[in-house]
Amino acid sequence: MITVYPKHISLKYWAATLLMDYGNEPLPILKDEANWTKWAKIVAGTGSFLNAGVPSPFKQKEDESLYKDWVEWAKVVYNIMNSTTN
């Protein structure tokens, strides 16, 4: 379960709470907010996130994001992870 809703906070703060909430998952540390889509792709392909169906932030090509920003993607992740029972 994700404890922090991704609104009115920074990406780095939200990413850090994800690491705390899912300490048993091998999630990467977000170092560069400009490359949030690459970080998000790794998160989406990891353990519980992959099993829950968290989407990659990319369309077919990795240079096209499905989401206008990280907040839009993170809200989807929040809803999916908080609706699944693991």
PDB file of N, CA and C in Angstrom:
ATOM      1  N   MET A   1       0.839  -1.184   0.000  1.00  0.00           N
ATOM      2  CA  MET A   1       0.000   0.000   0.000  1.00  0.00           C
ATOM      3  C   MET A   1       0.883   1.247   0.000  1.00  0.00           C
ATOM      4  N   ILE A   2       0.540   2.193  -0.843  1.00  0.00           N
ATOM      5  CA  ILE A   2       1.267   3.450  -0.908  1.00  0.00           C
ATOM      6  C   ILE A   2       0.622   4.420   0.072  1.00  0.00           C
ATOM      7  N   THR A   3       1.425   4.994   0.949  1.00  0.00           N
ATOM      8  CA  THR A   3       0.874   5.833   2.007  1.00  0.00           C
ATOM      9  C   THR A   3       0.710   7.299   1.640  1.00  0.00           C
ATOM     10  N   VAL A   4       1.424   7.787   0.630  1.00  0.00           N
ATOM     11  CA  VAL A   4       1.371   9.208   0.295  1.00  0.00           C
ATOM     12  C   VAL A   4       0.764   9.405  -1.093  1.00  0.00           C
ATOM     13  N   TYR A   5      -0.309  10.193  -1.149  1.00  0.00           N
ATOM     14  CA  TYR A   5      -0.931  10.524  -2.429  1.00  0.00           C
ATOM     15  C   TYR A   5      -0.049  11.535  -3.157  1.00  0.00           C
ATOM     16  N   PRO A   6       0.203  11.340  -4.435  1.00  0.00           N
ATOM     17  CA  PRO A   6       1.140  12.195  -5.172  1.00  0.00           C
ATOM     18  C   PRO A   6       0.552  13.539  -5.601  1.00  0.00           C
ATOM     19  N   LYS A   7       0.277  14.385  -4.630  1.00  0.00           N
ATOM     20  CA  LYS A   7      -0.260  15.705  -4.944  1.00  0.00           C
ATOM     21  C   LYS A   7       0.350  16.711  -3.968  1.00  0.00           C
ATOM     22  N   HIS A   8       0.792  17.822  -4.492  1.00  0.00           N
ATOM     23  CA  HIS A   8       1.388  18.891  -3.684  1.00  0.00           C
ATOM     24  C   HIS A   8       2.671  18.451  -2.980  1.00  0.00           C
ATOM     25  N   ILE A   9       3.398  17.542  -3.596  1.00  0.00           N
ATOM     26  CA  ILE A   9       4.695  17.108  -3.076  1.00  0.00           C
ATOM     27  C   ILE A   9       5.659  16.981  -4.246  1.00  0.00           C
ATOM     28  N   SER A  10       6.928  16.870  -3.937  1.00  0.00           N
ATOM     29  CA  SER A  10       7.912  16.717  -5.007  1.00  0.00           C
ATOM     30  C   SER A  10       8.005  15.259  -5.444  1.00  0.00           C
ATOM     31  N   LEU A  11       8.476  15.069  -6.640  1.00  0.00           N
ATOM     32  CA  LEU A  11       8.685  13.722  -7.159  1.00  0.00           C
ATOM     33  C   LEU A  11       9.669  12.953  -6.291  1.00  0.00           C
ATOM     34  N   LYS A  12      10.767  13.601  -5.905  1.00  0.00           N
ATOM     35  CA  LYS A  12      11.762  12.903  -5.085  1.00  0.00           C
ATOM     36  C   LYS A  12      11.177  12.458  -3.746  1.00  0.00           C
ATOM     37  N   TYR A  13      10.329  13.279  -3.152  1.00  0.00           N
ATOM     38  CA  TYR A  13       9.700  12.897  -1.888  1.00  0.00           C
ATOM     39  C   TYR A  13       8.779  11.693  -2.097  1.00  0.00           C
ATOM     40  N   TRP A  14       7.975  11.741  -3.155  1.00  0.00           N
ATOM     41  CA  TRP A  14       7.057  10.633  -3.408  1.00  0.00           C
ATOM     42  C   TRP A  14       7.832   9.344  -3.719  1.00  0.00           C
ATOM     43  N   ALA A  15       8.893   9.464  -4.496  1.00  0.00           N
ATOM     44  CA  ALA A  15       9.724   8.299  -4.820  1.00  0.00           C
ATOM     45  C   ALA A  15      10.354   7.715  -3.557  1.00  0.00           C
ATOM     46  N   ALA A  16      10.768   8.577  -2.634  1.00  0.00           N
ATOM     47  CA  ALA A  16      11.360   8.101  -1.375  1.00  0.00           C
ATOM     48  C   ALA A  16      10.318   7.377  -0.523  1.00  0.00           C
ATOM     49  N   THR A  17       9.080   7.858  -0.521  1.00  0.00           N
ATOM     50  CA  THR A  17       8.042   7.167   0.257  1.00  0.00           C
ATOM     51  C   THR A  17       7.724   5.807  -0.367  1.00  0.00           C
ATOM     52  N   LEU A  18       7.840   5.709  -1.679  1.00  0.00           N
ATOM     53  CA  LEU A  18       7.637   4.423  -2.348  1.00  0.00           C
ATOM     54  C   LEU A  18       8.685   3.418  -1.872  1.00  0.00           C
ATOM     55  N   LEU A  19       9.927   3.874  -1.741  1.00  0.00           N
ATOM     56  CA  LEU A  19      10.994   3.000  -1.238  1.00  0.00           C
ATOM     57  C   LEU A  19      10.705   2.531   0.174  1.00  0.00           C
ATOM     58  N   MET A  20      10.160   3.410   1.002  1.00  0.00           N
ATOM     59  CA  MET A  20       9.828   3.025   2.381  1.00  0.00           C
ATOM     60  C   MET A  20       8.620   2.091   2.417  1.00  0.00           C
ATOM     61  N   ASP A  21       7.603   2.396   1.617  1.00  0.00           N
ATOM     62  CA  ASP A  21       6.387   1.582   1.606  1.00  0.00           C
ATOM     63  C   ASP A  21       6.626   0.177   1.052  1.00  0.00           C
ATOM     64  N   TYR A  22       7.578   0.053   0.136  1.00  0.00           N
ATOM     65  CA  TYR A  22       7.878  -1.228  -0.503  1.00  0.00           C
ATOM     66  C   TYR A  22       9.355  -1.571  -0.308  1.00  0.00           C
ATOM     67  N   GLY A  23       9.776  -1.561   0.935  1.00  0.00           N
ATOM     68  CA  GLY A  23      11.170  -1.824   1.284  1.00  0.00           C
ATOM     69  C   GLY A  23      11.669  -3.200   0.876  1.00  0.00           C
ATOM     70  N   ASN A  24      10.751  -4.137   0.671  1.00  0.00           N
ATOM     71  CA  ASN A  24      11.143  -5.487   0.277  1.00  0.00           C
ATOM     72  C   ASN A  24      11.324  -5.631  -1.235  1.00  0.00           C
ATOM     73  N   GLU A  25      10.989  -4.583  -1.983  1.00  0.00           N
ATOM     74  CA  GLU A  25      11.129  -4.606  -3.442  1.00  0.00           C
ATOM     75  C   GLU A  25      12.465  -3.969  -3.841  1.00  0.00           C
ATOM     76  N   PRO A  26      13.083  -4.461  -4.899  1.00  0.00           N
ATOM     77  CA  PRO A  26      14.357  -3.864  -5.352  1.00  0.00           C
ATOM     78  C   PRO A  26      14.132  -2.619  -6.224  1.00  0.00           C
ATOM     79  N   LEU A  27      13.513  -1.599  -5.638  1.00  0.00           N
ATOM     80  CA  LEU A  27      13.220  -0.372  -6.382  1.00  0.00           C
ATOM     81  C   LEU A  27      14.451   0.519  -6.478  1.00  0.00           C
ATOM     82  N   PRO A  28      14.598   1.187  -7.616  1.00  0.00           N
ATOM     83  CA  PRO A  28      15.740   2.096  -7.768  1.00  0.00           C
ATOM     84  C   PRO A  28      15.492   3.416  -7.044  1.00  0.00           C
ATOM     85  N   ILE A  29      16.570   4.073  -6.684  1.00  0.00           N
ATOM     86  CA  ILE A  29      16.486   5.410  -6.103  1.00  0.00           C
ATOM     87  C   ILE A  29      16.416   6.407  -7.254  1.00  0.00           C
ATOM     88  N   LEU A  30      15.469   7.309  -7.184  1.00  0.00           N
ATOM     89  CA  LEU A  30      15.349   8.337  -8.220  1.00  0.00           C
ATOM     90  C   LEU A  30      16.413   9.399  -7.981  1.00  0.00           C
ATOM     91  N   LYS A  31      17.309   9.537  -8.929  1.00  0.00           N
ATOM     92  CA  LYS A  31      18.393  10.509  -8.786  1.00  0.00           C
ATOM     93  C   LYS A  31      18.184  11.745  -9.653  1.00  0.00           C
ATOM     94  N   ASP A  32      17.533  11.588 -10.783  1.00  0.00           N
ATOM     95  CA  ASP A  32      17.354  12.693 -11.717  1.00  0.00           C
ATOM     96  C   ASP A  32      15.876  12.814 -12.083  1.00  0.00           C
ATOM     97  N   GLU A  33      15.228  13.837 -11.562  1.00  0.00           N
ATOM     98  CA  GLU A  33      13.796  14.018 -11.811  1.00  0.00           C
ATOM     99  C   GLU A  33      13.481  14.208 -13.293  1.00  0.00           C
ATOM    100  N   ALA A  34      14.432  14.719 -14.046  1.00  0.00           N
ATOM    101  CA  ALA A  34      14.215  14.916 -15.483  1.00  0.00           C
ATOM    102  C   ALA A  34      14.027  13.584 -16.213  1.00  0.00           C
ATOM    103  N   ASN A  35      14.564  12.519 -15.646  1.00  0.00           N
ATOM    104  CA  ASN A  35      14.430  11.185 -16.239  1.00  0.00           C
ATOM    105  C   ASN A  35      13.424  10.327 -15.480  1.00  0.00           C
ATOM    106  N   TRP A  36      12.350  10.956 -15.012  1.00  0.00           N
ATOM    107  CA  TRP A  36      11.373  10.227 -14.214  1.00  0.00           C
ATOM    108  C   TRP A  36      10.745   9.075 -14.986  1.00  0.00           C
ATOM    109  N   THR A  37      10.609   9.200 -16.312  1.00  0.00           N
ATOM    110  CA  THR A  37       9.968   8.126 -17.079  1.00  0.00           C
ATOM    111  C   THR A  37      10.815   6.856 -17.101  1.00  0.00           C
ATOM    112  N   LYS A  38      12.122   7.014 -17.154  1.00  0.00           N
ATOM    113  CA  LYS A  38      12.996   5.827 -17.120  1.00  0.00           C
ATOM    114  C   LYS A  38      12.916   5.146 -15.754  1.00  0.00           C
ATOM    115  N   TRP A  39      12.898   5.944 -14.689  1.00  0.00           N
ATOM    116  CA  TRP A  39      12.745   5.408 -13.334  1.00  0.00           C
ATOM    117  C   TRP A  39      11.388   4.715 -13.196  1.00  0.00           C
ATOM    118  N   ALA A  40      10.345   5.365 -13.703  1.00  0.00           N
ATOM    119  CA  ALA A  40       8.991   4.815 -13.601  1.00  0.00           C
ATOM    120  C   ALA A  40       8.856   3.495 -14.358  1.00  0.00           C
ATOM    121  N   LYS A  41       9.530   3.377 -15.480  1.00  0.00           N
ATOM    122  CA  LYS A  41       9.492   2.121 -16.250  1.00  0.00           C
ATOM    123  C   LYS A  41      10.073   0.981 -15.423  1.00  0.00           C
ATOM    124  N   ILE A  42      11.144   1.256 -14.703  1.00  0.00           N
ATOM    125  CA  ILE A  42      11.750   0.225 -13.844  1.00  0.00           C
ATOM    126  C   ILE A  42      10.798  -0.140 -12.712  1.00  0.00           C
ATOM    127  N   VAL A  43      10.194   0.866 -12.094  1.00  0.00           N
ATOM    128  CA  VAL A  43       9.230   0.614 -11.020  1.00  0.00           C
ATOM    129  C   VAL A  43       8.086  -0.263 -11.545  1.00  0.00           C
ATOM    130  N   ALA A  44       7.533   0.089 -12.695  1.00  0.00           N
ATOM    131  CA  ALA A  44       6.405  -0.654 -13.271  1.00  0.00           C
ATOM    132  C   ALA A  44       6.756  -2.108 -13.569  1.00  0.00           C
ATOM    133  N   GLY A  45       8.022  -2.379 -13.813  1.00  0.00           N
ATOM    134  CA  GLY A  45       8.457  -3.737 -14.141  1.00  0.00           C
ATOM    135  C   GLY A  45       8.992  -4.517 -12.955  1.00  0.00           C
ATOM    136  N   THR A  46       8.783  -4.017 -11.748  1.00  0.00           N
ATOM    137  CA  THR A  46       9.332  -4.644 -10.545  1.00  0.00           C
ATOM    138  C   THR A  46       8.250  -5.316  -9.704  1.00  0.00           C
ATOM    139  N   GLY A  47       8.465  -6.573  -9.365  1.00  0.00           N
ATOM    140  CA  GLY A  47       7.683  -7.334  -8.387  1.00  0.00           C
ATOM    141  C   GLY A  47       6.212  -7.030  -8.264  1.00  0.00           C
ATOM    142  N   SER A  48       5.829  -6.473  -7.119  1.00  0.00           N
ATOM    143  CA  SER A  48       4.423  -6.196  -6.821  1.00  0.00           C
ATOM    144  C   SER A  48       3.789  -5.242  -7.823  1.00  0.00           C
ATOM    145  N   PHE A  49       4.568  -4.307  -8.328  1.00  0.00           N
ATOM    146  CA  PHE A  49       4.052  -3.327  -9.284  1.00  0.00           C
ATOM    147  C   PHE A  49       3.731  -4.009 -10.614  1.00  0.00           C
ATOM    148  N   LEU A  50       4.614  -4.885 -11.045  1.00  0.00           N
ATOM    149  CA  LEU A  50       4.395  -5.653 -12.270  1.00  0.00           C
ATOM    150  C   LEU A  50       3.186  -6.564 -12.096  1.00  0.00           C
ATOM    151  N   ASN A  51       3.116  -7.269 -10.978  1.00  0.00           N
ATOM    152  CA  ASN A  51       2.007  -8.192 -10.714  1.00  0.00           C
ATOM    153  C   ASN A  51       0.658  -7.487 -10.615  1.00  0.00           C
ATOM    154  N   ALA A  52       0.667  -6.251 -10.120  1.00  0.00           N
ATOM    155  CA  ALA A  52      -0.579  -5.490  -9.981  1.00  0.00           C
ATOM    156  C   ALA A  52      -1.019  -4.842 -11.285  1.00  0.00           C
ATOM    157  N   GLY A  53      -0.133  -4.815 -12.287  1.00  0.00           N
ATOM    158  CA  GLY A  53      -0.477  -4.228 -13.576  1.00  0.00           C
ATOM    159  C   GLY A  53      -0.202  -2.742 -13.687  1.00  0.00           C
ATOM    160  N   VAL A  54       0.744  -2.246 -12.903  1.00  0.00           N
ATOM    161  CA  VAL A  54       1.128  -0.834 -13.017  1.00  0.00           C
ATOM    162  C   VAL A  54       1.675  -0.595 -14.424  1.00  0.00           C
ATOM    163  N   PRO A  55       1.152   0.409 -15.118  1.00  0.00           N
ATOM    164  CA  PRO A  55       1.590   0.642 -16.499  1.00  0.00           C
ATOM    165  C   PRO A  55       2.942   1.337 -16.602  1.00  0.00           C
ATOM    166  N   SER A  56       3.634   1.036 -17.668  1.00  0.00           N
ATOM    167  CA  SER A  56       4.846   1.772 -18.014  1.00  0.00           C
ATOM    168  C   SER A  56       4.402   3.188 -18.384  1.00  0.00           C
ATOM    169  N   PRO A  57       5.243   4.180 -18.165  1.00  0.00           N
ATOM    170  CA  PRO A  57       4.852   5.535 -18.542  1.00  0.00           C
ATOM    171  C   PRO A  57       4.977   5.815 -20.034  1.00  0.00           C
ATOM    172  N   PHE A  58       5.467   4.844 -20.795  1.00  0.00           N
ATOM    173  CA  PHE A  58       5.725   5.067 -22.213  1.00  0.00           C
ATOM    174  C   PHE A  58       4.647   4.501 -23.118  1.00  0.00           C
ATOM    175  N   LYS A  59       4.521   5.136 -24.296  1.00  0.00           N
ATOM    176  CA  LYS A  59       3.734   4.554 -25.381  1.00  0.00           C
ATOM    177  C   LYS A  59       4.616   3.465 -25.985  1.00  0.00           C
ATOM    178  N   GLN A  60       4.463   3.163 -27.228  1.00  0.00           N
ATOM    179  CA  GLN A  60       5.271   2.127 -27.869  1.00  0.00           C
ATOM    180  C   GLN A  60       6.748   2.492 -27.904  1.00  0.00           C
ATOM    181  N   LYS A  61       7.030   3.767 -28.164  1.00  0.00           N
ATOM    182  CA  LYS A  61       8.416   4.219 -28.223  1.00  0.00           C
ATOM    183  C   LYS A  61       8.773   4.877 -26.895  1.00  0.00           C
ATOM    184  N   GLU A  62      10.003   4.675 -26.446  1.00  0.00           N
ATOM    185  CA  GLU A  62      10.416   5.196 -25.147  1.00  0.00           C
ATOM    186  C   GLU A  62      10.573   6.706 -25.086  1.00  0.00           C
ATOM    187  N   ASP A  63      10.449   7.379 -26.202  1.00  0.00           N
ATOM    188  CA  ASP A  63      10.567   8.831 -26.147  1.00  0.00           C
ATOM    189  C   ASP A  63       9.201   9.513 -26.083  1.00  0.00           C
ATOM    190  N   GLU A  64       8.132   8.727 -26.034  1.00  0.00           N
ATOM    191  CA  GLU A  64       6.782   9.283 -25.957  1.00  0.00           C
ATOM    192  C   GLU A  64       6.113   8.820 -24.673  1.00  0.00           C
ATOM    193  N   SER A  65       5.821   9.749 -23.792  1.00  0.00           N
ATOM    194  CA  SER A  65       5.173   9.407 -22.530  1.00  0.00           C
ATOM    195  C   SER A  65       3.656   9.347 -22.710  1.00  0.00           C
ATOM    196  N   LEU A  66       3.028   8.411 -22.020  1.00  0.00           N
ATOM    197  CA  LEU A  66       1.570   8.315 -22.011  1.00  0.00           C
ATOM    198  C   LEU A  66       0.954   9.366 -21.097  1.00  0.00           C
ATOM    199  N   TYR A  67       1.753   9.920 -20.218  1.00  0.00           N
ATOM    200  CA  TYR A  67       1.264  10.834 -19.188  1.00  0.00           C
ATOM    201  C   TYR A  67       1.890  12.202 -19.347  1.00  0.00           C
ATOM    202  N   LYS A  68       1.123  13.245 -19.023  1.00  0.00           N
ATOM    203  CA  LYS A  68       1.642  14.607 -19.197  1.00  0.00           C
ATOM    204  C   LYS A  68       2.746  14.935 -18.208  1.00  0.00           C
ATOM    205  N   ASP A  69       2.726  14.272 -17.032  1.00  0.00           N
ATOM    206  CA  ASP A  69       3.777  14.492 -16.036  1.00  0.00           C
ATOM    207  C   ASP A  69       3.808  13.328 -15.054  1.00  0.00           C
ATOM    208  N   TRP A  70       4.757  13.356 -14.141  1.00  0.00           N
ATOM    209  CA  TRP A  70       4.914  12.262 -13.181  1.00  0.00           C
ATOM    210  C   TRP A  70       3.714  12.131 -12.266  1.00  0.00           C
ATOM    211  N   VAL A  71       3.062  13.249 -11.953  1.00  0.00           N
ATOM    212  CA  VAL A  71       1.920  13.211 -11.028  1.00  0.00           C
ATOM    213  C   VAL A  71       0.783  12.379 -11.621  1.00  0.00           C
ATOM    214  N   GLU A  72       0.518  12.575 -12.892  1.00  0.00           N
ATOM    215  CA  GLU A  72      -0.542  11.822 -13.559  1.00  0.00           C
ATOM    216  C   GLU A  72      -0.255  10.316 -13.485  1.00  0.00           C
ATOM    217  N   TRP A  73       0.977   9.923 -13.777  1.00  0.00           N
ATOM    218  CA  TRP A  73       1.359   8.507 -13.706  1.00  0.00           C
ATOM    219  C   TRP A  73       1.292   8.007 -12.259  1.00  0.00           C
ATOM    220  N   ALA A  74       1.804   8.790 -11.332  1.00  0.00           N
ATOM    221  CA  ALA A  74       1.842   8.378  -9.927  1.00  0.00           C
ATOM    222  C   ALA A  74       0.442   8.191  -9.346  1.00  0.00           C
ATOM    223  N   LYS A  75      -0.515   8.989  -9.775  1.00  0.00           N
ATOM    224  CA  LYS A  75      -1.894   8.814  -9.304  1.00  0.00           C
ATOM    225  C   LYS A  75      -2.452   7.472  -9.767  1.00  0.00           C
ATOM    226  N   VAL A  76      -2.115   7.075 -10.985  1.00  0.00           N
ATOM    227  CA  VAL A  76      -2.531   5.758 -11.490  1.00  0.00           C
ATOM    228  C   VAL A  76      -1.889   4.663 -10.642  1.00  0.00           C
ATOM    229  N   VAL A  77      -0.602   4.799 -10.368  1.00  0.00           N
ATOM    230  CA  VAL A  77       0.114   3.821  -9.540  1.00  0.00           C
ATOM    231  C   VAL A  77      -0.518   3.745  -8.151  1.00  0.00           C
ATOM    232  N   TYR A  78      -0.780   4.880  -7.553  1.00  0.00           N
ATOM    233  CA  TYR A  78      -1.393   4.939  -6.220  1.00  0.00           C
ATOM    234  C   TYR A  78      -2.722   4.184  -6.213  1.00  0.00           C
ATOM    235  N   ASN A  79      -3.571   4.469  -7.201  1.00  0.00           N
ATOM    236  CA  ASN A  79      -4.884   3.815  -7.253  1.00  0.00           C
ATOM    237  C   ASN A  79      -4.770   2.314  -7.453  1.00  0.00           C
ATOM    238  N   ILE A  80      -3.891   1.891  -8.324  1.00  0.00           N
ATOM    239  CA  ILE A  80      -3.719   0.454  -8.566  1.00  0.00           C
ATOM    240  C   ILE A  80      -3.177  -0.250  -7.320  1.00  0.00           C
ATOM    241  N   MET A  81      -2.119   0.287  -6.748  1.00  0.00           N
ATOM    242  CA  MET A  81      -1.474  -0.386  -5.618  1.00  0.00           C
ATOM    243  C   MET A  81      -2.326  -0.369  -4.359  1.00  0.00           C
ATOM    244  N   ASN A  82      -3.204   0.618  -4.228  1.00  0.00           N
ATOM    245  CA  ASN A  82      -4.067   0.668  -3.058  1.00  0.00           C
ATOM    246  C   ASN A  82      -5.384  -0.078  -3.272  1.00  0.00           C
ATOM    247  N   SER A  83      -5.604  -0.573  -4.472  1.00  0.00           N
ATOM    248  CA  SER A  83      -6.811  -1.360  -4.725  1.00  0.00           C
ATOM    249  C   SER A  83      -6.543  -2.859  -4.762  1.00  0.00           C
ATOM    250  N   THR A  84      -5.251  -3.233  -4.787  1.00  0.00           N
ATOM    251  CA  THR A  84      -4.910  -4.646  -4.813  1.00  0.00           C
ATOM    252  C   THR A  84      -4.659  -5.153  -3.404  1.00  0.00           C
ATOM    253  N   THR A  85      -4.935  -6.397  -3.207  1.00  0.00           N
ATOM    254  CA  THR A  85      -4.639  -7.024  -1.924  1.00  0.00           C
ATOM    255  C   THR A  85      -3.507  -7.979  -2.136  1.00  0.00           C
ATOM    256  N   ASN A  86      -2.370  -7.659  -1.549  1.00  0.00           N
ATOM    257  CA  ASN A  86      -1.172  -8.510  -1.692  1.00  0.00           C
ATOM    258  C   ASN A  86      -0.944  -9.308  -0.440  1.00  0.00           C
TER     259      ASN A  86
END
